């Protein structure tokens, strides 16, 4: 019974971690794109 909750917690933690990583990558690509636009002028 406890093992099931531990597995659920681990899965949710991994999901949140990947979501955070994807968000960070999206922000990084947006930042680099704006940087490229600034330098292209």
PDB file of N, CA and C in Angstrom:
ATOM      1  N   UNK A   1       0.839  -1.209   0.000  1.00  0.00           N
ATOM      2  CA  UNK A   1       0.000   0.000   0.000  1.00  0.00           C
ATOM      3  C   UNK A   1       0.879   1.267   0.000  1.00  0.00           C
ATOM      4  N   UNK A   2       1.890   1.272   0.841  1.00  0.00           N
ATOM      5  CA  UNK A   2       2.778   2.439   0.907  1.00  0.00           C
ATOM      6  C   UNK A   2       3.629   2.532  -0.351  1.00  0.00           C
ATOM      7  N   UNK A   3       4.022   1.374  -0.904  1.00  0.00           N
ATOM      8  CA  UNK A   3       4.869   1.357  -2.100  1.00  0.00           C
ATOM      9  C   UNK A   3       4.151   2.019  -3.277  1.00  0.00           C
ATOM     10  N   UNK A   4       2.835   1.842  -3.357  1.00  0.00           N
ATOM     11  CA  UNK A   4       2.064   2.443  -4.441  1.00  0.00           C
ATOM     12  C   UNK A   4       2.118   3.967  -4.344  1.00  0.00           C
ATOM     13  N   UNK A   5       2.009   4.492  -3.126  1.00  0.00           N
ATOM     14  CA  UNK A   5       2.070   5.947  -2.947  1.00  0.00           C
ATOM     15  C   UNK A   5       3.452   6.482  -3.271  1.00  0.00           C
ATOM     16  N   UNK A   6       4.485   5.698  -2.904  1.00  0.00           N
ATOM     17  CA  UNK A   6       5.869   6.115  -3.198  1.00  0.00           C
ATOM     18  C   UNK A   6       6.073   6.167  -4.708  1.00  0.00           C
ATOM     19  N   UNK A   7       5.526   5.189  -5.416  1.00  0.00           N
ATOM     20  CA  UNK A   7       5.646   5.156  -6.882  1.00  0.00           C
ATOM     21  C   UNK A   7       4.902   6.346  -7.493  1.00  0.00           C
ATOM     22  N   UNK A   8       3.735   6.655  -6.973  1.00  0.00           N
ATOM     23  CA  UNK A   8       2.973   7.802  -7.479  1.00  0.00           C
ATOM     24  C   UNK A   8       3.734   9.107  -7.246  1.00  0.00           C
ATOM     25  N   UNK A   9       4.353   9.222  -6.068  1.00  0.00           N
ATOM     26  CA  UNK A   9       5.129  10.422  -5.758  1.00  0.00           C
ATOM     27  C   UNK A   9       6.322  10.552  -6.688  1.00  0.00           C
ATOM     28  N   UNK A  10       7.013   9.441  -6.929  1.00  0.00           N
ATOM     29  CA  UNK A  10       8.170   9.449  -7.815  1.00  0.00           C
ATOM     30  C   UNK A  10       7.760   9.839  -9.236  1.00  0.00           C
ATOM     31  N   UNK A  11       6.655   9.269  -9.701  1.00  0.00           N
ATOM     32  CA  UNK A  11       6.184   9.576 -11.056  1.00  0.00           C
ATOM     33  C   UNK A  11       5.821  11.049 -11.195  1.00  0.00           C
ATOM     34  N   UNK A  12       5.130  11.588 -10.201  1.00  0.00           N
ATOM     35  CA  UNK A  12       4.746  12.999 -10.260  1.00  0.00           C
ATOM     36  C   UNK A  12       5.982  13.906 -10.186  1.00  0.00           C
ATOM     37  N   UNK A  13       6.969  13.510  -9.379  1.00  0.00           N
ATOM     38  CA  UNK A  13       8.203  14.293  -9.264  1.00  0.00           C
ATOM     39  C   UNK A  13       8.952  14.302 -10.597  1.00  0.00           C
ATOM     40  N   UNK A  14       9.022  13.150 -11.244  1.00  0.00           N
ATOM     41  CA  UNK A  14       9.698  13.051 -12.544  1.00  0.00           C
ATOM     42  C   UNK A  14       8.949  13.873 -13.590  1.00  0.00           C
ATOM     43  N   UNK A  15       7.617  13.822 -13.545  1.00  0.00           N
ATOM     44  CA  UNK A  15       6.795  14.578 -14.491  1.00  0.00           C
ATOM     45  C   UNK A  15       7.012  16.082 -14.324  1.00  0.00           C
ATOM     46  N   UNK A  16       7.022  16.547 -13.057  1.00  0.00           N
ATOM     47  CA  UNK A  16       7.239  17.963 -12.764  1.00  0.00           C
ATOM     48  C   UNK A  16       8.645  18.379 -13.190  1.00  0.00           C
ATOM     49  N   UNK A  17       9.623  17.487 -12.977  1.00  0.00           N
ATOM     50  CA  UNK A  17      11.009  17.777 -13.347  1.00  0.00           C
ATOM     51  C   UNK A  17      11.137  17.946 -14.855  1.00  0.00           C
ATOM     52  N   UNK A  18      10.504  17.046 -15.623  1.00  0.00           N
ATOM     53  CA  UNK A  18      10.569  17.134 -17.081  1.00  0.00           C
ATOM     54  C   UNK A  18       9.820  18.368 -17.591  1.00  0.00           C
ATOM     55  N   UNK A  19       8.721  18.693 -16.933  1.00  0.00           N
ATOM     56  CA  UNK A  19       7.962  19.883 -17.304  1.00  0.00           C
ATOM     57  C   UNK A  19       8.810  21.138 -17.071  1.00  0.00           C
ATOM     58  N   UNK A  20       9.513  21.180 -15.936  1.00  0.00           N
ATOM     59  CA  UNK A  20      10.395  22.293 -15.602  1.00  0.00           C
ATOM     60  C   UNK A  20      11.542  22.383 -16.600  1.00  0.00           C
ATOM     61  N   UNK A  21      12.106  21.219 -16.969  1.00  0.00           N
ATOM     62  CA  UNK A  21      13.213  21.180 -17.918  1.00  0.00           C
ATOM     63  C   UNK A  21      12.754  21.694 -19.281  1.00  0.00           C
ATOM     64  N   UNK A  22      11.569  21.267 -19.713  1.00  0.00           N
ATOM     65  CA  UNK A  22      11.029  21.690 -20.999  1.00  0.00           C
ATOM     66  C   UNK A  22      10.766  23.193 -20.999  1.00  0.00           C
ATOM     67  N   UNK A  23      10.245  23.701 -19.876  1.00  0.00           N
ATOM     68  CA  UNK A  23       9.981  25.130 -19.735  1.00  0.00           C
ATOM     69  C   UNK A  23      11.279  25.926 -19.810  1.00  0.00           C
ATOM     70  N   UNK A  24      12.314  25.420 -19.138  1.00  0.00           N
ATOM     71  CA  UNK A  24      13.617  26.072 -19.132  1.00  0.00           C
ATOM     72  C   UNK A  24      14.181  26.107 -20.546  1.00  0.00           C
ATOM     73  N   UNK A  25      14.058  24.988 -21.272  1.00  0.00           N
ATOM     74  CA  UNK A  25      14.565  24.909 -22.646  1.00  0.00           C
ATOM     75  C   UNK A  25      13.817  25.883 -23.548  1.00  0.00           C
ATOM     76  N   UNK A  26      12.499  26.004 -23.333  1.00  0.00           N
ATOM     77  CA  UNK A  26      11.688  26.920 -24.123  1.00  0.00           C
ATOM     78  C   UNK A  26      12.114  28.363 -23.870  1.00  0.00           C
ATOM     79  N   UNK A  27      12.361  28.709 -22.626  1.00  0.00           N
ATOM     80  CA  UNK A  27      12.813  30.054 -22.277  1.00  0.00           C
ATOM     81  C   UNK A  27      14.183  30.325 -22.890  1.00  0.00           C
ATOM     82  N   UNK A  28      15.047  29.308 -22.883  1.00  0.00           N
ATOM     83  CA  UNK A  28      16.395  29.462 -23.436  1.00  0.00           C
ATOM     84  C   UNK A  28      16.332  29.700 -24.937  1.00  0.00           C
ATOM     85  N   UNK A  29      15.482  28.957 -25.638  1.00  0.00           N
ATOM     86  CA  UNK A  29      15.364  29.125 -27.094  1.00  0.00           C
ATOM     87  C   UNK A  29      14.770  30.496 -27.417  1.00  0.00           C
ATOM     88  N   UNK A  30      13.805  30.941 -26.625  1.00  0.00           N
ATOM     89  CA  UNK A  30      13.197  32.263 -26.828  1.00  0.00           C
ATOM     90  C   UNK A  30      14.232  33.367 -26.603  1.00  0.00           C
ATOM     91  N   UNK A  31      15.055  33.204 -25.571  1.00  0.00           N
ATOM     92  CA  UNK A  31      16.094  34.182 -25.246  1.00  0.00           C
ATOM     93  C   UNK A  31      17.142  34.248 -26.359  1.00  0.00           C
ATOM     94  N   UNK A  32      17.569  33.081 -26.850  1.00  0.00           N
ATOM     95  CA  UNK A  32      18.586  33.052 -27.904  1.00  0.00           C
ATOM     96  C   UNK A  32      18.019  33.638 -29.200  1.00  0.00           C
ATOM     97  N   UNK A  33      16.740  33.392 -29.453  1.00  0.00           N
ATOM     98  CA  UNK A  33      16.117  33.925 -30.666  1.00  0.00           C
ATOM     99  C   UNK A  33      16.060  35.455 -30.613  1.00  0.00           C
ATOM    100  N   UNK A  34      15.706  36.000 -29.459  1.00  0.00           N
ATOM    101  CA  UNK A  34      15.641  37.456 -29.312  1.00  0.00           C
ATOM    102  C   UNK A  34      17.045  38.053 -29.405  1.00  0.00           C
ATOM    103  N   UNK A  35      18.037  37.325 -28.891  1.00  0.00           N
ATOM    104  CA  UNK A  35      19.422  37.770 -28.959  1.00  0.00           C
ATOM    105  C   UNK A  35      19.868  37.821 -30.414  1.00  0.00           C
ATOM    106  N   UNK A  36      19.520  36.808 -31.184  1.00  0.00           N
ATOM    107  CA  UNK A  36      19.880  36.754 -32.609  1.00  0.00           C
ATOM    108  C   UNK A  36      19.196  37.894 -33.361  1.00  0.00           C
ATOM    109  N   UNK A  37      17.947  38.182 -33.012  1.00  0.00           N
ATOM    110  CA  UNK A  37      17.237  39.280 -33.664  1.00  0.00           C
ATOM    111  C   UNK A  37      17.907  40.619 -33.354  1.00  0.00           C
ATOM    112  N   UNK A  38      18.407  40.779 -32.138  1.00  0.00           N
ATOM    113  CA  UNK A  38      19.075  42.024 -31.771  1.00  0.00           C
ATOM    114  C   UNK A  38      20.373  42.196 -32.556  1.00  0.00           C
ATOM    115  N   UNK A  39      21.106  41.090 -32.739  1.00  0.00           N
ATOM    116  CA  UNK A  39      22.396  41.177 -33.421  1.00  0.00           C
ATOM    117  C   UNK A  39      22.252  41.250 -34.936  1.00  0.00           C
ATOM    118  N   UNK A  40      21.094  40.871 -35.462  1.00  0.00           N
ATOM    119  CA  UNK A  40      20.917  40.868 -36.915  1.00  0.00           C
ATOM    120  C   UNK A  40      20.652  42.276 -37.458  1.00  0.00           C
ATOM    121  N   UNK A  41      20.280  43.198 -36.572  1.00  0.00           N
ATOM    122  CA  UNK A  41      19.998  44.550 -37.055  1.00  0.00           C
ATOM    123  C   UNK A  41      21.275  45.293 -37.438  1.00  0.00           C
TER     124      UNK A  41
END
